[in-house]
PDB file of all heavy atoms in Angstrom:
ATOM      1  N   GLU A   1     135.878  59.023  93.054  1.00  0.00           N
ATOM      2  CA  GLU A   1     137.170  58.652  93.568  1.00  0.00           C
ATOM      3  C   GLU A   1     138.263  59.378  92.909  1.00  0.00           C
ATOM      4  O   GLU A   1     139.415  59.392  93.438  1.00  0.00           O
ATOM      5  CB  GLU A   1     137.387  57.083  93.230  1.00  0.00           C
ATOM      6  CG  GLU A   1     136.349  56.237  94.066  1.00  0.00           C
ATOM      7  CD  GLU A   1     136.560  56.299  95.566  1.00  0.00           C
ATOM      8  OE1 GLU A   1     137.824  56.314  95.979  1.00  0.00           O
ATOM      9  OE2 GLU A   1     135.671  56.372  96.263  1.00  0.00           O
ATOM     10  N   THR A   2     138.085  59.928  91.749  1.00  0.00           N
ATOM     11  CA  THR A   2     139.182  60.555  90.984  1.00  0.00           C
ATOM     12  C   THR A   2     138.811  62.004  90.545  1.00  0.00           C
ATOM     13  O   THR A   2     137.662  62.346  90.555  1.00  0.00           O
ATOM     14  CB  THR A   2     139.581  59.778  89.786  1.00  0.00           C
ATOM     15  OG1 THR A   2     138.537  59.864  88.791  1.00  0.00           O
ATOM     16  CG2 THR A   2     139.869  58.296  90.108  1.00  0.00           C
ATOM     17  N   LEU A   3     139.932  62.739  90.276  1.00  0.00           N
ATOM     18  CA  LEU A   3     139.834  64.100  89.755  1.00  0.00           C
ATOM     19  C   LEU A   3     138.913  64.108  88.483  1.00  0.00           C
ATOM     20  O   LEU A   3     138.014  64.949  88.347  1.00  0.00           O
ATOM     21  CB  LEU A   3     141.069  64.745  89.543  1.00  0.00           C
ATOM     22  CG  LEU A   3     141.123  66.089  88.905  1.00  0.00           C
ATOM     23  CD1 LEU A   3     140.696  67.129  89.984  1.00  0.00           C
ATOM     24  CD2 LEU A   3     142.567  66.514  88.453  1.00  0.00           C
ATOM     25  N   GLU A   4     139.162  63.204  87.595  1.00  0.00           N
ATOM     26  CA  GLU A   4     138.557  63.166  86.384  1.00  0.00           C
ATOM     27  C   GLU A   4     137.027  62.862  86.525  1.00  0.00           C
ATOM     28  O   GLU A   4     136.157  63.456  85.792  1.00  0.00           O
ATOM     29  CB  GLU A   4     139.172  62.120  85.442  1.00  0.00           C
ATOM     30  CG  GLU A   4     140.562  62.473  85.003  1.00  0.00           C
ATOM     31  CD  GLU A   4     141.648  62.247  86.092  1.00  0.00           C
ATOM     32  OE1 GLU A   4     141.350  61.529  87.093  1.00  0.00           O
ATOM     33  OE2 GLU A   4     142.678  62.842  85.971  1.00  0.00           O
ATOM     34  N   GLU A   5     136.712  61.960  87.423  1.00  0.00           N
ATOM     35  CA  GLU A   5     135.366  61.715  87.689  1.00  0.00           C
ATOM     36  C   GLU A   5     134.555  62.825  88.352  1.00  0.00           C
ATOM     37  O   GLU A   5     133.522  63.115  87.986  1.00  0.00           O
ATOM     38  CB  GLU A   5     135.201  60.450  88.587  1.00  0.00           C
ATOM     39  CG  GLU A   5     135.586  59.120  87.957  1.00  0.00           C
ATOM     40  CD  GLU A   5     135.575  57.930  88.984  1.00  0.00           C
ATOM     41  OE1 GLU A   5     136.183  58.107  90.131  1.00  0.00           O
ATOM     42  OE2 GLU A   5     135.093  56.909  88.592  1.00  0.00           O
ATOM     43  N   ASN A   6     135.244  63.554  89.200  1.00  0.00           N
ATOM     44  CA  ASN A   6     134.675  64.714  89.801  1.00  0.00           C
ATOM     45  C   ASN A   6     134.467  65.842  88.769  1.00  0.00           C
ATOM     46  O   ASN A   6     133.449  66.599  88.869  1.00  0.00           O
ATOM     47  CB  ASN A   6     135.573  65.239  90.965  1.00  0.00           C
ATOM     48  CG  ASN A   6     135.462  64.419  92.175  1.00  0.00           C
ATOM     49  OD1 ASN A   6     134.458  63.653  92.352  1.00  0.00           O
ATOM     50  ND2 ASN A   6     136.404  64.409  93.068  1.00  0.00           N
ATOM     51  N   LEU A   7     135.421  65.890  87.934  1.00  0.00           N
ATOM     52  CA  LEU A   7     135.237  66.913  86.799  1.00  0.00           C
ATOM     53  C   LEU A   7     133.956  66.561  85.981  1.00  0.00           C
ATOM     54  O   LEU A   7     133.193  67.479  85.763  1.00  0.00           O
ATOM     55  CB  LEU A   7     136.459  66.887  85.887  1.00  0.00           C
ATOM     56  CG  LEU A   7     136.443  67.794  84.618  1.00  0.00           C
ATOM     57  CD1 LEU A   7     136.228  69.254  84.997  1.00  0.00           C
ATOM     58  CD2 LEU A   7     137.695  67.513  83.778  1.00  0.00           C
ATOM     59  N   GLU A   8     133.817  65.339  85.597  1.00  0.00           N
ATOM     60  CA  GLU A   8     132.721  64.950  84.751  1.00  0.00           C
ATOM     61  C   GLU A   8     131.370  65.110  85.468  1.00  0.00           C
ATOM     62  O   GLU A   8     130.418  65.618  84.951  1.00  0.00           O
ATOM     63  CB  GLU A   8     132.862  63.481  84.318  1.00  0.00           C
ATOM     64  CG  GLU A   8     131.875  63.010  83.358  1.00  0.00           C
ATOM     65  CD  GLU A   8     130.568  62.462  84.031  1.00  0.00           C
ATOM     66  OE1 GLU A   8     130.570  62.057  85.164  1.00  0.00           O
ATOM     67  OE2 GLU A   8     129.467  62.632  83.354  1.00  0.00           O
ATOM     68  N   LYS A   9     131.458  64.674  86.792  1.00  0.00           N
ATOM     69  CA  LYS A   9     130.202  64.829  87.530  1.00  0.00           C
ATOM     70  C   LYS A   9     129.775  66.328  87.801  1.00  0.00           C
ATOM     71  O   LYS A   9     128.611  66.726  87.706  1.00  0.00           O
ATOM     72  CB  LYS A   9     130.255  64.056  88.856  1.00  0.00           C
ATOM     73  CG  LYS A   9     128.984  64.130  89.615  1.00  0.00           C
ATOM     74  CD  LYS A   9     129.000  63.109  90.919  1.00  0.00           C
ATOM     75  CE  LYS A   9     127.658  63.191  91.561  1.00  0.00           C
ATOM     76  NZ  LYS A   9     127.640  62.192  92.774  1.00  0.00           N
ATOM     77  N   GLY A  10     130.845  67.143  87.987  1.00  0.00           N
ATOM     78  CA  GLY A  10     130.613  68.525  88.286  1.00  0.00           C
ATOM     79  C   GLY A  10     130.046  69.189  87.110  1.00  0.00           C
ATOM     80  O   GLY A  10     129.130  70.038  87.176  1.00  0.00           O
ATOM     81  N   VAL A  11     130.599  69.008  85.948  1.00  0.00           N
ATOM     82  CA  VAL A  11     130.071  69.456  84.645  1.00  0.00           C
ATOM     83  C   VAL A  11     128.593  69.062  84.481  1.00  0.00           C
ATOM     84  O   VAL A  11     127.770  69.926  84.065  1.00  0.00           O
ATOM     85  CB  VAL A  11     130.875  69.044  83.443  1.00  0.00           C
ATOM     86  CG1 VAL A  11     130.282  69.396  82.100  1.00  0.00           C
ATOM     87  CG2 VAL A  11     132.309  69.706  83.536  1.00  0.00           C
ATOM     88  N   ARG A  12     128.291  67.734  84.710  1.00  0.00           N
ATOM     89  CA  ARG A  12     126.976  67.262  84.460  1.00  0.00           C
ATOM     90  C   ARG A  12     126.003  67.971  85.407  1.00  0.00           C
ATOM     91  O   ARG A  12     124.922  68.382  84.964  1.00  0.00           O
ATOM     92  CB  ARG A  12     126.907  65.774  84.751  1.00  0.00           C
ATOM     93  CG  ARG A  12     125.651  65.080  84.602  1.00  0.00           C
ATOM     94  CD  ARG A  12     125.771  63.541  84.226  1.00  0.00           C
ATOM     95  NE  ARG A  12     126.875  62.996  85.099  1.00  0.00           N
ATOM     96  CZ  ARG A  12     126.676  62.430  86.193  1.00  0.00           C
ATOM     97  NH1 ARG A  12     125.495  62.411  86.808  1.00  0.00           N
ATOM     98  NH2 ARG A  12     127.682  61.808  86.890  1.00  0.00           N
ATOM     99  N   TYR A  13     126.307  68.218  86.687  1.00  0.00           N
ATOM    100  CA  TYR A  13     125.394  68.787  87.563  1.00  0.00           C
ATOM    101  C   TYR A  13     125.247  70.436  87.332  1.00  0.00           C
ATOM    102  O   TYR A  13     124.270  70.955  87.543  1.00  0.00           O
ATOM    103  CB  TYR A  13     125.796  68.580  88.985  1.00  0.00           C
ATOM    104  CG  TYR A  13     125.160  67.332  89.468  1.00  0.00           C
ATOM    105  CD1 TYR A  13     125.675  66.074  89.253  1.00  0.00           C
ATOM    106  CD2 TYR A  13     123.936  67.329  90.179  1.00  0.00           C
ATOM    107  CE1 TYR A  13     125.098  64.838  89.661  1.00  0.00           C
ATOM    108  CE2 TYR A  13     123.305  66.145  90.630  1.00  0.00           C
ATOM    109  CZ  TYR A  13     123.859  64.937  90.328  1.00  0.00           C
ATOM    110  OH  TYR A  13     123.238  63.811  90.761  1.00  0.00           O
ATOM    111  N   CYS A  14     126.312  71.016  86.745  1.00  0.00           N
ATOM    112  CA  CYS A  14     126.213  72.401  86.361  1.00  0.00           C
ATOM    113  C   CYS A  14     125.154  72.569  85.305  1.00  0.00           C
ATOM    114  O   CYS A  14     124.406  73.462  85.261  1.00  0.00           O
ATOM    115  CB  CYS A  14     127.560  72.964  86.043  1.00  0.00           C
ATOM    116  SG  CYS A  14     128.646  73.365  87.294  1.00  0.00           S
ATOM    117  N   ARG A  15     125.270  71.581  84.333  1.00  0.00           N
ATOM    118  CA  ARG A  15     124.319  71.677  83.298  1.00  0.00           C
ATOM    119  C   ARG A  15     122.882  71.461  83.718  1.00  0.00           C
ATOM    120  O   ARG A  15     121.897  72.127  83.216  1.00  0.00           O
ATOM    121  CB  ARG A  15     124.657  70.646  82.244  1.00  0.00           C
ATOM    122  CG  ARG A  15     125.980  70.793  81.435  1.00  0.00           C
ATOM    123  CD  ARG A  15     126.151  69.954  80.279  1.00  0.00           C
ATOM    124  NE  ARG A  15     127.366  70.134  79.639  1.00  0.00           N
ATOM    125  CZ  ARG A  15     127.732  71.116  78.748  1.00  0.00           C
ATOM    126  NH1 ARG A  15     126.798  71.944  78.393  1.00  0.00           N
ATOM    127  NH2 ARG A  15     128.866  71.245  78.190  1.00  0.00           N
ATOM    128  N   LYS A  16     122.637  70.560  84.719  1.00  0.00           N
ATOM    129  CA  LYS A  16     121.368  70.343  85.237  1.00  0.00           C
ATOM    130  C   LYS A  16     120.844  71.617  85.977  1.00  0.00           C
ATOM    131  O   LYS A  16     119.668  71.930  85.887  1.00  0.00           O
ATOM    132  CB  LYS A  16     121.358  69.139  86.289  1.00  0.00           C
ATOM    133  CG  LYS A  16     121.466  67.796  85.598  1.00  0.00           C
ATOM    134  CD  LYS A  16     121.504  66.656  86.655  1.00  0.00           C
ATOM    135  CE  LYS A  16     121.615  65.325  86.035  1.00  0.00           C
ATOM    136  NZ  LYS A  16     121.585  64.251  87.082  1.00  0.00           N
ATOM    137  N   ALA A  17     121.814  72.210  86.724  1.00  0.00           N
ATOM    138  CA  ALA A  17     121.444  73.509  87.449  1.00  0.00           C
ATOM    139  C   ALA A  17     120.916  74.538  86.450  1.00  0.00           C
ATOM    140  O   ALA A  17     119.955  75.222  86.679  1.00  0.00           O
ATOM    141  CB  ALA A  17     122.645  73.959  88.135  1.00  0.00           C
ATOM    142  N   LYS A  18     121.626  74.688  85.342  1.00  0.00           N
ATOM    143  CA  LYS A  18     121.217  75.637  84.284  1.00  0.00           C
ATOM    144  C   LYS A  18     119.901  75.303  83.705  1.00  0.00           C
ATOM    145  O   LYS A  18     119.046  76.144  83.494  1.00  0.00           O
ATOM    146  CB  LYS A  18     122.386  75.717  83.152  1.00  0.00           C
ATOM    147  CG  LYS A  18     121.982  76.703  82.064  1.00  0.00           C
ATOM    148  CD  LYS A  18     121.859  78.171  82.638  1.00  0.00           C
ATOM    149  CE  LYS A  18     121.597  79.146  81.554  1.00  0.00           C
ATOM    150  NZ  LYS A  18     121.578  80.491  82.063  1.00  0.00           N
ATOM    151  N   GLU A  19     119.667  74.029  83.496  1.00  0.00           N
ATOM    152  CA  GLU A  19     118.358  73.623  82.996  1.00  0.00           C
ATOM    153  C   GLU A  19     117.231  73.987  83.877  1.00  0.00           C
ATOM    154  O   GLU A  19     116.018  74.228  83.565  1.00  0.00           O
ATOM    155  CB  GLU A  19     118.304  72.036  82.758  1.00  0.00           C
ATOM    156  CG  GLU A  19     119.155  71.623  81.617  1.00  0.00           C
ATOM    157  CD  GLU A  19     119.414  70.117  81.601  1.00  0.00           C
ATOM    158  OE1 GLU A  19     118.791  69.416  82.360  1.00  0.00           O
ATOM    159  OE2 GLU A  19     120.148  69.619  80.641  1.00  0.00           O
ATOM    160  N   ASN A  20     117.546  74.067  85.190  1.00  0.00           N
ATOM    161  CA  ASN A  20     116.610  74.446  86.306  1.00  0.00           C
ATOM    162  C   ASN A  20     116.545  75.986  86.475  1.00  0.00           C
ATOM    163  O   ASN A  20     116.005  76.415  87.462  1.00  0.00           O
ATOM    164  CB  ASN A  20     116.854  73.647  87.581  1.00  0.00           C
ATOM    165  CG  ASN A  20     116.487  72.216  87.517  1.00  0.00           C
ATOM    166  OD1 ASN A  20     115.399  71.928  87.065  1.00  0.00           O
ATOM    167  ND2 ASN A  20     117.450  71.378  87.852  1.00  0.00           N
ATOM    168  N   GLY A  21     117.218  76.680  85.625  1.00  0.00           N
ATOM    169  CA  GLY A  21     117.124  78.178  85.713  1.00  0.00           C
ATOM    170  C   GLY A  21     118.083  78.937  86.584  1.00  0.00           C
ATOM    171  O   GLY A  21     117.992  80.039  86.824  1.00  0.00           O
ATOM    172  N   ALA A  22     119.157  78.169  87.092  1.00  0.00           N
ATOM    173  CA  ALA A  22     120.211  78.749  87.919  1.00  0.00           C
ATOM    174  C   ALA A  22     120.875  79.892  87.302  1.00  0.00           C
ATOM    175  O   ALA A  22     121.335  79.812  86.114  1.00  0.00           O
ATOM    176  CB  ALA A  22     121.133  77.688  88.514  1.00  0.00           C
ATOM    177  N   ASP A  23     121.269  80.964  88.108  1.00  0.00           N
ATOM    178  CA  ASP A  23     122.124  82.006  87.745  1.00  0.00           C
ATOM    179  C   ASP A  23     123.560  81.813  88.312  1.00  0.00           C
ATOM    180  O   ASP A  23     124.541  82.312  87.765  1.00  0.00           O
ATOM    181  CB  ASP A  23     121.597  83.335  88.174  1.00  0.00           C
ATOM    182  CG  ASP A  23     120.298  83.721  87.637  1.00  0.00           C
ATOM    183  OD1 ASP A  23     120.145  83.629  86.397  1.00  0.00           O
ATOM    184  OD2 ASP A  23     119.319  83.852  88.521  1.00  0.00           O
ATOM    185  N   ILE A  24     123.633  81.081  89.392  1.00  0.00           N
ATOM    186  CA  ILE A  24     124.969  80.724  90.094  1.00  0.00           C
ATOM    187  C   ILE A  24     124.887  79.285  90.515  1.00  0.00           C
ATOM    188  O   ILE A  24     123.823  78.899  91.057  1.00  0.00           O
ATOM    189  CB  ILE A  24     125.211  81.637  91.279  1.00  0.00           C
ATOM    190  CG1 ILE A  24     125.168  83.077  90.938  1.00  0.00           C
ATOM    191  CG2 ILE A  24     126.472  81.262  92.021  1.00  0.00           C
ATOM    192  CD1 ILE A  24     125.236  84.022  92.180  1.00  0.00           C
ATOM    193  N   ALA A  25     125.975  78.464  90.304  1.00  0.00           N
ATOM    194  CA  ALA A  25     126.026  77.256  90.776  1.00  0.00           C
ATOM    195  C   ALA A  25     127.245  77.115  91.676  1.00  0.00           C
ATOM    196  O   ALA A  25     128.307  77.607  91.461  1.00  0.00           O
ATOM    197  CB  ALA A  25     126.253  76.189  89.650  1.00  0.00           C
ATOM    198  N   LEU A  26     127.037  76.570  92.997  1.00  0.00           N
ATOM    199  CA  LEU A  26     128.018  76.493  93.995  1.00  0.00           C
ATOM    200  C   LEU A  26     128.317  75.110  94.377  1.00  0.00           C
ATOM    201  O   LEU A  26     127.396  74.349  94.605  1.00  0.00           O
ATOM    202  CB  LEU A  26     127.654  77.297  95.202  1.00  0.00           C
ATOM    203  CG  LEU A  26     128.631  77.315  96.433  1.00  0.00           C
ATOM    204  CD1 LEU A  26     129.951  77.965  96.019  1.00  0.00           C
ATOM    205  CD2 LEU A  26     128.014  78.033  97.599  1.00  0.00           C
ATOM    206  N   PHE A  27     129.624  74.680  94.454  1.00  0.00           N
ATOM    207  CA  PHE A  27     129.998  73.352  94.806  1.00  0.00           C
ATOM    208  C   PHE A  27     130.297  73.337  96.353  1.00  0.00           C
ATOM    209  O   PHE A  27     130.603  74.368  96.999  1.00  0.00           O
ATOM    210  CB  PHE A  27     131.254  72.942  94.063  1.00  0.00           C
ATOM    211  CG  PHE A  27     131.008  72.562  92.679  1.00  0.00           C
ATOM    212  CD1 PHE A  27     130.980  73.428  91.626  1.00  0.00           C
ATOM    213  CD2 PHE A  27     130.869  71.188  92.359  1.00  0.00           C
ATOM    214  CE1 PHE A  27     130.743  73.077  90.349  1.00  0.00           C
ATOM    215  CE2 PHE A  27     130.632  70.803  91.066  1.00  0.00           C
ATOM    216  CZ  PHE A  27     130.534  71.715  90.089  1.00  0.00           C
ATOM    217  N   PRO A  28     130.240  72.063  96.972  1.00  0.00           N
ATOM    218  CA  PRO A  28     130.728  71.882  98.374  1.00  0.00           C
ATOM    219  C   PRO A  28     132.311  72.114  98.454  1.00  0.00           C
ATOM    220  O   PRO A  28     132.928  72.212  97.346  1.00  0.00           O
ATOM    221  CB  PRO A  28     130.427  70.536  98.717  1.00  0.00           C
ATOM    222  CG  PRO A  28     129.585  69.909  97.488  1.00  0.00           C
ATOM    223  CD  PRO A  28     129.902  70.817  96.357  1.00  0.00           C
ATOM    224  N   GLU A  29     132.757  72.129  99.610  1.00  0.00           N
ATOM    225  CA  GLU A  29     134.171  72.438  99.861  1.00  0.00           C
ATOM    226  C   GLU A  29     135.111  71.412  99.165  1.00  0.00           C
ATOM    227  O   GLU A  29     134.920  70.183  99.339  1.00  0.00           O
ATOM    228  CB  GLU A  29     134.441  72.386 101.386  1.00  0.00           C
ATOM    229  CG  GLU A  29     135.778  72.817 101.881  1.00  0.00           C
ATOM    230  CD  GLU A  29     135.779  72.877 103.404  1.00  0.00           C
ATOM    231  OE1 GLU A  29     134.774  72.554 104.075  1.00  0.00           O
ATOM    232  OE2 GLU A  29     136.875  73.319 103.913  1.00  0.00           O
ATOM    233  N   MET A  30     136.155  71.872  98.602  1.00  0.00           N
ATOM    234  CA  MET A  30     137.283  71.083  98.049  1.00  0.00           C
ATOM    235  C   MET A  30     136.736  69.988  97.141  1.00  0.00           C
ATOM    236  O   MET A  30     137.052  68.752  97.285  1.00  0.00           O
ATOM    237  CB  MET A  30     138.115  70.472  99.188  1.00  0.00           C
ATOM    238  CG  MET A  30     139.573  70.297  98.778  1.00  0.00           C
ATOM    239  SD  MET A  30     140.539  69.593 100.146  1.00  0.00           S
ATOM    240  CE  MET A  30     140.611  70.859 101.277  1.00  0.00           C
TER     241      MET A  30
END
């Protein structure tokens, strides 16, 4: 619902992507 929550969730999922060996992480639009 908020910018702060999207920031926190985005960071968390980037970390998960790295744990899975990702070289690039891409978000959906806006």
